[in-house]
Amino acid sequence: TDAEALAIVQARCATCHAQSPTQDGFSSPPAGVVLETPEQIAARADDIERVVSSKTMPLGNITGMTSEERALVVAWATQGASTER
């Protein structure tokens, strides 16, 4: 569902891609990309689909994104990236 995909991105990506990252080693969001709100996430859906499907992100899979989570996020992004909860 949309809510599941958004929750995955917030849990697996926003630790680095936040105004104030909580992931060790990050003092600012990489490349200035912030993924904290549903609107920010949806605006980057194409980028998210590309880096999640290629396993480029999360970097070194530091947050432990599962194959199932990747599939759900990619499906969400390719099906219109809704922000409905």
PDB file of N, CA and C in Angstrom:
ATOM      1  N   THR A   1       0.838  -1.190   0.000  1.00  0.00           N
ATOM      2  CA  THR A   1       0.000   0.000   0.000  1.00  0.00           C
ATOM      3  C   THR A   1       0.877   1.245   0.000  1.00  0.00           C
ATOM      4  N   ASP A   2       0.260   2.372  -0.269  1.00  0.00           N
ATOM      5  CA  ASP A   2       0.994   3.635  -0.240  1.00  0.00           C
ATOM      6  C   ASP A   2       1.605   3.871   1.134  1.00  0.00           C
ATOM      7  N   ALA A   3       0.825   3.642   2.168  1.00  0.00           N
ATOM      8  CA  ALA A   3       1.309   3.869   3.532  1.00  0.00           C
ATOM      9  C   ALA A   3       2.518   2.993   3.845  1.00  0.00           C
ATOM     10  N   GLU A   4       2.486   1.741   3.389  1.00  0.00           N
ATOM     11  CA  GLU A   4       3.621   0.842   3.621  1.00  0.00           C
ATOM     12  C   GLU A   4       4.876   1.336   2.912  1.00  0.00           C
ATOM     13  N   ALA A   5       4.735   1.741   1.666  1.00  0.00           N
ATOM     14  CA  ALA A   5       5.879   2.225   0.895  1.00  0.00           C
ATOM     15  C   ALA A   5       6.467   3.478   1.535  1.00  0.00           C
ATOM     16  N   LEU A   6       5.612   4.394   1.920  1.00  0.00           N
ATOM     17  CA  LEU A   6       6.090   5.620   2.555  1.00  0.00           C
ATOM     18  C   LEU A   6       6.793   5.314   3.871  1.00  0.00           C
ATOM     19  N   ALA A   7       6.237   4.397   4.640  1.00  0.00           N
ATOM     20  CA  ALA A   7       6.849   4.018   5.916  1.00  0.00           C
ATOM     21  C   ALA A   7       8.221   3.375   5.703  1.00  0.00           C
ATOM     22  N   ILE A   8       8.356   2.569   4.658  1.00  0.00           N
ATOM     23  CA  ILE A   8       9.643   1.947   4.359  1.00  0.00           C
ATOM     24  C   ILE A   8      10.680   3.012   4.016  1.00  0.00           C
ATOM     25  N   VAL A   9      10.312   3.945   3.163  1.00  0.00           N
ATOM     26  CA  VAL A   9      11.251   5.010   2.789  1.00  0.00           C
ATOM     27  C   VAL A   9      11.636   5.830   4.016  1.00  0.00           C
ATOM     28  N   GLN A  10      10.657   6.139   4.845  1.00  0.00           N
ATOM     29  CA  GLN A  10      10.968   6.910   6.045  1.00  0.00           C
ATOM     30  C   GLN A  10      11.885   6.120   6.979  1.00  0.00           C
ATOM     31  N   ALA A  11      11.696   4.826   7.089  1.00  0.00           N
ATOM     32  CA  ALA A  11      12.515   4.006   7.993  1.00  0.00           C
ATOM     33  C   ALA A  11      13.883   3.686   7.412  1.00  0.00           C
ATOM     34  N   ARG A  12      13.952   3.412   6.126  1.00  0.00           N
ATOM     35  CA  ARG A  12      15.198   2.921   5.527  1.00  0.00           C
ATOM     36  C   ARG A  12      16.028   4.004   4.845  1.00  0.00           C
ATOM     37  N   CYS A  13      15.398   5.128   4.499  1.00  0.00           N
ATOM     38  CA  CYS A  13      16.106   6.166   3.743  1.00  0.00           C
ATOM     39  C   CYS A  13      16.298   7.467   4.530  1.00  0.00           C
ATOM     40  N   ALA A  14      15.311   7.814   5.333  1.00  0.00           N
ATOM     41  CA  ALA A  14      15.348   9.108   6.024  1.00  0.00           C
ATOM     42  C   ALA A  14      16.345   9.163   7.168  1.00  0.00           C
ATOM     43  N   THR A  15      16.945   8.040   7.542  1.00  0.00           N
ATOM     44  CA  THR A  15      17.979   8.116   8.573  1.00  0.00           C
ATOM     45  C   THR A  15      19.172   8.921   8.061  1.00  0.00           C
ATOM     46  N   CYS A  16      19.407   8.872   6.760  1.00  0.00           N
ATOM     47  CA  CYS A  16      20.451   9.692   6.127  1.00  0.00           C
ATOM     48  C   CYS A  16      19.840  10.911   5.441  1.00  0.00           C
ATOM     49  N   HIS A  17      18.719  10.685   4.720  1.00  0.00           N
ATOM     50  CA  HIS A  17      18.094  11.735   3.927  1.00  0.00           C
ATOM     51  C   HIS A  17      17.073  12.506   4.750  1.00  0.00           C
ATOM     52  N   ALA A  18      17.596  13.224   5.758  1.00  0.00           N
ATOM     53  CA  ALA A  18      16.775  14.064   6.635  1.00  0.00           C
ATOM     54  C   ALA A  18      17.507  15.384   6.841  1.00  0.00           C
ATOM     55  N   GLN A  19      16.771  16.410   7.246  1.00  0.00           N
ATOM     56  CA  GLN A  19      17.414  17.690   7.550  1.00  0.00           C
ATOM     57  C   GLN A  19      18.502  17.500   8.594  1.00  0.00           C
ATOM     58  N   SER A  20      18.218  16.642   9.567  1.00  0.00           N
ATOM     59  CA  SER A  20      19.184  16.301  10.612  1.00  0.00           C
ATOM     60  C   SER A  20      19.320  14.779  10.659  1.00  0.00           C
ATOM     61  N   PRO A  21      20.179  14.208   9.828  1.00  0.00           N
ATOM     62  CA  PRO A  21      20.314  12.753   9.771  1.00  0.00           C
ATOM     63  C   PRO A  21      20.648  12.137  11.137  1.00  0.00           C
ATOM     64  N   THR A  22      20.078  10.958  11.375  1.00  0.00           N
ATOM     65  CA  THR A  22      20.365  10.225  12.610  1.00  0.00           C
ATOM     66  C   THR A  22      21.385   9.129  12.388  1.00  0.00           C
ATOM     67  N   GLN A  23      21.684   8.819  11.138  1.00  0.00           N
ATOM     68  CA  GLN A  23      22.671   7.793  10.807  1.00  0.00           C
ATOM     69  C   GLN A  23      24.075   8.304  11.092  1.00  0.00           C
ATOM     70  N   ASP A  24      24.856   7.525  11.818  1.00  0.00           N
ATOM     71  CA  ASP A  24      26.241   7.903  12.092  1.00  0.00           C
ATOM     72  C   ASP A  24      26.986   8.208  10.804  1.00  0.00           C
ATOM     73  N   GLY A  25      27.806   9.242  10.839  1.00  0.00           N
ATOM     74  CA  GLY A  25      28.618   9.600   9.697  1.00  0.00           C
ATOM     75  C   GLY A  25      27.992  10.629   8.771  1.00  0.00           C
ATOM     76  N   PHE A  26      26.757  11.008   9.028  1.00  0.00           N
ATOM     77  CA  PHE A  26      26.065  11.980   8.175  1.00  0.00           C
ATOM     78  C   PHE A  26      25.676  13.195   9.001  1.00  0.00           C
ATOM     79  N   SER A  27      26.166  14.354   8.584  1.00  0.00           N
ATOM     80  CA  SER A  27      25.805  15.592   9.273  1.00  0.00           C
ATOM     81  C   SER A  27      24.792  16.411   8.479  1.00  0.00           C
ATOM     82  N   SER A  28      24.604  16.030   7.213  1.00  0.00           N
ATOM     83  CA  SER A  28      23.617  16.679   6.357  1.00  0.00           C
ATOM     84  C   SER A  28      23.107  15.634   5.366  1.00  0.00           C
ATOM     85  N   PRO A  29      21.956  15.896   4.764  1.00  0.00           N
ATOM     86  CA  PRO A  29      21.403  14.904   3.832  1.00  0.00           C
ATOM     87  C   PRO A  29      22.270  14.774   2.576  1.00  0.00           C
ATOM     88  N   PRO A  30      22.624  13.551   2.183  1.00  0.00           N
ATOM     89  CA  PRO A  30      23.431  13.360   0.973  1.00  0.00           C
ATOM     90  C   PRO A  30      22.772  13.998  -0.251  1.00  0.00           C
ATOM     91  N   ALA A  31      23.585  14.707  -1.005  1.00  0.00           N
ATOM     92  CA  ALA A  31      23.133  15.392  -2.231  1.00  0.00           C
ATOM     93  C   ALA A  31      21.992  16.365  -1.962  1.00  0.00           C
ATOM     94  N   GLY A  32      21.786  16.730  -0.706  1.00  0.00           N
ATOM     95  CA  GLY A  32      20.709  17.651  -0.363  1.00  0.00           C
ATOM     96  C   GLY A  32      19.319  17.051  -0.463  1.00  0.00           C
ATOM     97  N   VAL A  33      19.237  15.726  -0.627  1.00  0.00           N
ATOM     98  CA  VAL A  33      17.946  15.047  -0.797  1.00  0.00           C
ATOM     99  C   VAL A  33      17.358  14.737   0.578  1.00  0.00           C
ATOM    100  N   VAL A  34      16.181  15.314   0.835  1.00  0.00           N
ATOM    101  CA  VAL A  34      15.476  15.103   2.091  1.00  0.00           C
ATOM    102  C   VAL A  34      14.217  14.293   1.801  1.00  0.00           C
ATOM    103  N   LEU A  35      14.043  13.192   2.544  1.00  0.00           N
ATOM    104  CA  LEU A  35      12.909  12.277   2.335  1.00  0.00           C
ATOM    105  C   LEU A  35      12.176  12.060   3.656  1.00  0.00           C
ATOM    106  N   GLU A  36      11.658  13.130   4.213  1.00  0.00           N
ATOM    107  CA  GLU A  36      10.981  13.038   5.498  1.00  0.00           C
ATOM    108  C   GLU A  36       9.455  13.049   5.387  1.00  0.00           C
ATOM    109  N   THR A  37       8.913  13.773   4.440  1.00  0.00           N
ATOM    110  CA  THR A  37       7.461  13.878   4.318  1.00  0.00           C
ATOM    111  C   THR A  37       6.970  13.080   3.111  1.00  0.00           C
ATOM    112  N   PRO A  38       5.711  12.683   3.121  1.00  0.00           N
ATOM    113  CA  PRO A  38       5.170  11.987   1.947  1.00  0.00           C
ATOM    114  C   PRO A  38       5.347  12.784   0.656  1.00  0.00           C
ATOM    115  N   GLU A  39       5.207  14.085   0.734  1.00  0.00           N
ATOM    116  CA  GLU A  39       5.344  14.928  -0.452  1.00  0.00           C
ATOM    117  C   GLU A  39       6.791  14.927  -0.968  1.00  0.00           C
ATOM    118  N   GLN A  40       7.756  15.007  -0.057  1.00  0.00           N
ATOM    119  CA  GLN A  40       9.167  14.954  -0.462  1.00  0.00           C
ATOM    120  C   GLN A  40       9.497  13.606  -1.088  1.00  0.00           C
ATOM    121  N   ILE A  41       8.963  12.563  -0.509  1.00  0.00           N
ATOM    122  CA  ILE A  41       9.217  11.209  -1.010  1.00  0.00           C
ATOM    123  C   ILE A  41       8.604  11.037  -2.398  1.00  0.00           C
ATOM    124  N   ALA A  42       7.350  11.432  -2.569  1.00  0.00           N
ATOM    125  CA  ALA A  42       6.673  11.289  -3.860  1.00  0.00           C
ATOM    126  C   ALA A  42       7.363  12.112  -4.946  1.00  0.00           C
ATOM    127  N   ALA A  43       7.861  13.277  -4.588  1.00  0.00           N
ATOM    128  CA  ALA A  43       8.544  14.131  -5.565  1.00  0.00           C
ATOM    129  C   ALA A  43       9.816  13.473  -6.099  1.00  0.00           C
ATOM    130  N   ARG A  44      10.392  12.559  -5.343  1.00  0.00           N
ATOM    131  CA  ARG A  44      11.617  11.863  -5.735  1.00  0.00           C
ATOM    132  C   ARG A  44      11.362  10.412  -6.135  1.00  0.00           C
ATOM    133  N   ALA A  45      10.124  10.061  -6.426  1.00  0.00           N
ATOM    134  CA  ALA A  45       9.756   8.669  -6.705  1.00  0.00           C
ATOM    135  C   ALA A  45      10.588   8.054  -7.824  1.00  0.00           C
ATOM    136  N   ASP A  46      10.827   8.788  -8.896  1.00  0.00           N
ATOM    137  CA  ASP A  46      11.619   8.235 -10.004  1.00  0.00           C
ATOM    138  C   ASP A  46      13.042   7.918  -9.551  1.00  0.00           C
ATOM    139  N   ASP A  47      13.631   8.839  -8.808  1.00  0.00           N
ATOM    140  CA  ASP A  47      14.988   8.616  -8.290  1.00  0.00           C
ATOM    141  C   ASP A  47      15.006   7.452  -7.311  1.00  0.00           C
ATOM    142  N   ILE A  48      14.009   7.404  -6.438  1.00  0.00           N
ATOM    143  CA  ILE A  48      13.922   6.322  -5.450  1.00  0.00           C
ATOM    144  C   ILE A  48      13.801   4.980  -6.155  1.00  0.00           C
ATOM    145  N   GLU A  49      12.929   4.903  -7.148  1.00  0.00           N
ATOM    146  CA  GLU A  49      12.757   3.646  -7.899  1.00  0.00           C
ATOM    147  C   GLU A  49      14.078   3.202  -8.507  1.00  0.00           C
ATOM    148  N   ARG A  50      14.811   4.117  -9.102  1.00  0.00           N
ATOM    149  CA  ARG A  50      16.079   3.794  -9.776  1.00  0.00           C
ATOM    150  C   ARG A  50      17.116   3.281  -8.778  1.00  0.00           C
ATOM    151  N   VAL A  51      17.322   3.995  -7.673  1.00  0.00           N
ATOM    152  CA  VAL A  51      18.400   3.600  -6.755  1.00  0.00           C
ATOM    153  C   VAL A  51      18.025   2.414  -5.875  1.00  0.00           C
ATOM    154  N   VAL A  52      16.733   2.250  -5.593  1.00  0.00           N
ATOM    155  CA  VAL A  52      16.308   1.098  -4.792  1.00  0.00           C
ATOM    156  C   VAL A  52      16.326  -0.169  -5.642  1.00  0.00           C
ATOM    157  N   SER A  53      15.863  -0.086  -6.879  1.00  0.00           N
ATOM    158  CA  SER A  53      15.843  -1.281  -7.731  1.00  0.00           C
ATOM    159  C   SER A  53      17.249  -1.727  -8.106  1.00  0.00           C
ATOM    160  N   SER A  54      18.179  -0.790  -8.252  1.00  0.00           N
ATOM    161  CA  SER A  54      19.563  -1.143  -8.587  1.00  0.00           C
ATOM    162  C   SER A  54      20.394  -1.506  -7.354  1.00  0.00           C
ATOM    163  N   LYS A  55      19.783  -1.373  -6.190  1.00  0.00           N
ATOM    164  CA  LYS A  55      20.427  -1.646  -4.896  1.00  0.00           C
ATOM    165  C   LYS A  55      21.585  -0.695  -4.600  1.00  0.00           C
ATOM    166  N   THR A  56      21.574   0.470  -5.271  1.00  0.00           N
ATOM    167  CA  THR A  56      22.556   1.513  -4.986  1.00  0.00           C
ATOM    168  C   THR A  56      22.300   2.115  -3.611  1.00  0.00           C
ATOM    169  N   MET A  57      21.035   2.187  -3.246  1.00  0.00           N
ATOM    170  CA  MET A  57      20.627   2.730  -1.954  1.00  0.00           C
ATOM    171  C   MET A  57      19.698   1.743  -1.276  1.00  0.00           C
ATOM    172  N   PRO A  58      19.669   1.767  -0.004  1.00  0.00           N
ATOM    173  CA  PRO A  58      20.525   2.466   0.934  1.00  0.00           C
ATOM    174  C   PRO A  58      21.988   2.064   0.754  1.00  0.00           C
ATOM    175  N   LEU A  59      22.855   3.048   0.888  1.00  0.00           N
ATOM    176  CA  LEU A  59      24.287   2.869   0.691  1.00  0.00           C
ATOM    177  C   LEU A  59      24.798   1.691   1.505  1.00  0.00           C
ATOM    178  N   GLY A  60      25.328   0.688   0.825  1.00  0.00           N
ATOM    179  CA  GLY A  60      25.816  -0.503   1.502  1.00  0.00           C
ATOM    180  C   GLY A  60      24.731  -1.233   2.275  1.00  0.00           C
ATOM    181  N   ASN A  61      23.492  -0.928   1.940  1.00  0.00           N
ATOM    182  CA  ASN A  61      22.309  -1.437   2.648  1.00  0.00           C
ATOM    183  C   ASN A  61      22.463  -1.293   4.166  1.00  0.00           C
ATOM    184  N   ILE A  62      22.984  -0.146   4.552  1.00  0.00           N
ATOM    185  CA  ILE A  62      23.260   0.144   5.959  1.00  0.00           C
ATOM    186  C   ILE A  62      22.024   0.040   6.851  1.00  0.00           C
ATOM    187  N   THR A  63      20.852   0.289   6.290  1.00  0.00           N
ATOM    188  CA  THR A  63      19.625   0.226   7.095  1.00  0.00           C
ATOM    189  C   THR A  63      18.909  -1.114   6.977  1.00  0.00           C
ATOM    190  N   GLY A  64      19.462  -2.035   6.211  1.00  0.00           N
ATOM    191  CA  GLY A  64      18.899  -3.381   6.135  1.00  0.00           C
ATOM    192  C   GLY A  64      17.609  -3.516   5.348  1.00  0.00           C
ATOM    193  N   MET A  65      17.460  -2.769   4.258  1.00  0.00           N
ATOM    194  CA  MET A  65      16.262  -2.888   3.428  1.00  0.00           C
ATOM    195  C   MET A  65      16.180  -4.296   2.851  1.00  0.00           C
ATOM    196  N   THR A  66      15.041  -4.945   3.035  1.00  0.00           N
ATOM    197  CA  THR A  66      14.853  -6.309   2.542  1.00  0.00           C
ATOM    198  C   THR A  66      14.448  -6.310   1.070  1.00  0.00           C
ATOM    199  N   SER A  67      14.557  -7.458   0.446  1.00  0.00           N
ATOM    200  CA  SER A  67      14.119  -7.610  -0.949  1.00  0.00           C
ATOM    201  C   SER A  67      12.634  -7.317  -1.076  1.00  0.00           C
ATOM    202  N   GLU A  68      11.854  -7.736  -0.101  1.00  0.00           N
ATOM    203  CA  GLU A  68      10.407  -7.482  -0.125  1.00  0.00           C
ATOM    204  C   GLU A  68      10.115  -5.995  -0.032  1.00  0.00           C
ATOM    205  N   GLU A  69      10.856  -5.295   0.833  1.00  0.00           N
ATOM    206  CA  GLU A  69      10.669  -3.846   0.946  1.00  0.00           C
ATOM    207  C   GLU A  69      11.064  -3.155  -0.350  1.00  0.00           C
ATOM    208  N   ARG A  70      12.146  -3.588  -0.948  1.00  0.00           N
ATOM    209  CA  ARG A  70      12.566  -3.008  -2.236  1.00  0.00           C
ATOM    210  C   ARG A  70      11.474  -3.180  -3.282  1.00  0.00           C
ATOM    211  N   ALA A  71      10.938  -4.378  -3.378  1.00  0.00           N
ATOM    212  CA  ALA A  71       9.892  -4.656  -4.367  1.00  0.00           C
ATOM    213  C   ALA A  71       8.663  -3.783  -4.126  1.00  0.00           C
ATOM    214  N   LEU A  72       8.279  -3.623  -2.890  1.00  0.00           N
ATOM    215  CA  LEU A  72       7.107  -2.809  -2.575  1.00  0.00           C
ATOM    216  C   LEU A  72       7.348  -1.345  -2.938  1.00  0.00           C
ATOM    217  N   VAL A  73       8.518  -0.811  -2.604  1.00  0.00           N
ATOM    218  CA  VAL A  73       8.829   0.588  -2.910  1.00  0.00           C
ATOM    219  C   VAL A  73       8.908   0.806  -4.417  1.00  0.00           C
ATOM    220  N   VAL A  74       9.532  -0.116  -5.130  1.00  0.00           N
ATOM    221  CA  VAL A  74       9.620   0.016  -6.582  1.00  0.00           C
ATOM    222  C   VAL A  74       8.231  -0.033  -7.206  1.00  0.00           C
ATOM    223  N   ALA A  75       7.387  -0.952  -6.771  1.00  0.00           N
ATOM    224  CA  ALA A  75       6.017  -1.034  -7.291  1.00  0.00           C
ATOM    225  C   ALA A  75       5.256   0.253  -7.022  1.00  0.00           C
ATOM    226  N   TRP A  76       5.383   0.773  -5.807  1.00  0.00           N
ATOM    227  CA  TRP A  76       4.719   2.035  -5.444  1.00  0.00           C
ATOM    228  C   TRP A  76       5.168   3.158  -6.376  1.00  0.00           C
ATOM    229  N   ALA A  77       6.474   3.264  -6.593  1.00  0.00           N
ATOM    230  CA  ALA A  77       7.001   4.344  -7.425  1.00  0.00           C
ATOM    231  C   ALA A  77       6.545   4.224  -8.874  1.00  0.00           C
ATOM    232  N   THR A  78       6.528   3.002  -9.409  1.00  0.00           N
ATOM    233  CA  THR A  78       6.153   2.819 -10.813  1.00  0.00           C
ATOM    234  C   THR A  78       4.651   2.900 -11.034  1.00  0.00           C
ATOM    235  N   GLN A  79       3.874   2.789  -9.953  1.00  0.00           N
ATOM    236  CA  GLN A  79       2.408   2.850 -10.068  1.00  0.00           C
ATOM    237  C   GLN A  79       1.839   4.215  -9.721  1.00  0.00           C
ATOM    238  N   GLY A  80       2.679   5.232  -9.670  1.00  0.00           N
ATOM    239  CA  GLY A  80       2.153   6.575  -9.489  1.00  0.00           C
ATOM    240  C   GLY A  80       2.564   7.284  -8.227  1.00  0.00           C
ATOM    241  N   ALA A  81       3.218   6.605  -7.294  1.00  0.00           N
ATOM    242  CA  ALA A  81       3.773   7.234  -6.096  1.00  0.00           C
ATOM    243  C   ALA A  81       2.768   8.101  -5.342  1.00  0.00           C
ATOM    244  N   SER A  82       1.665   7.518  -4.996  1.00  0.00           N
ATOM    245  CA  SER A  82       0.642   8.249  -4.250  1.00  0.00           C
ATOM    246  C   SER A  82       1.112   8.512  -2.817  1.00  0.00           C
ATOM    247  N   THR A  83       0.584   9.564  -2.225  1.00  0.00           N
ATOM    248  CA  THR A  83       0.898   9.887  -0.839  1.00  0.00           C
ATOM    249  C   THR A  83      -0.288   9.592   0.079  1.00  0.00           C
ATOM    250  N   GLU A  84      -1.252   8.832  -0.427  1.00  0.00           N
ATOM    251  CA  GLU A  84      -2.410   8.456   0.395  1.00  0.00           C
ATOM    252  C   GLU A  84      -1.951   7.572   1.536  1.00  0.00           C
ATOM    253  N   ARG A  85      -2.564   7.738   2.682  1.00  0.00           N
ATOM    254  CA  ARG A  85      -2.195   6.931   3.849  1.00  0.00           C
ATOM    255  C   ARG A  85      -3.262   5.961   4.180  1.00  0.00           C
TER     256      ARG A  85
END
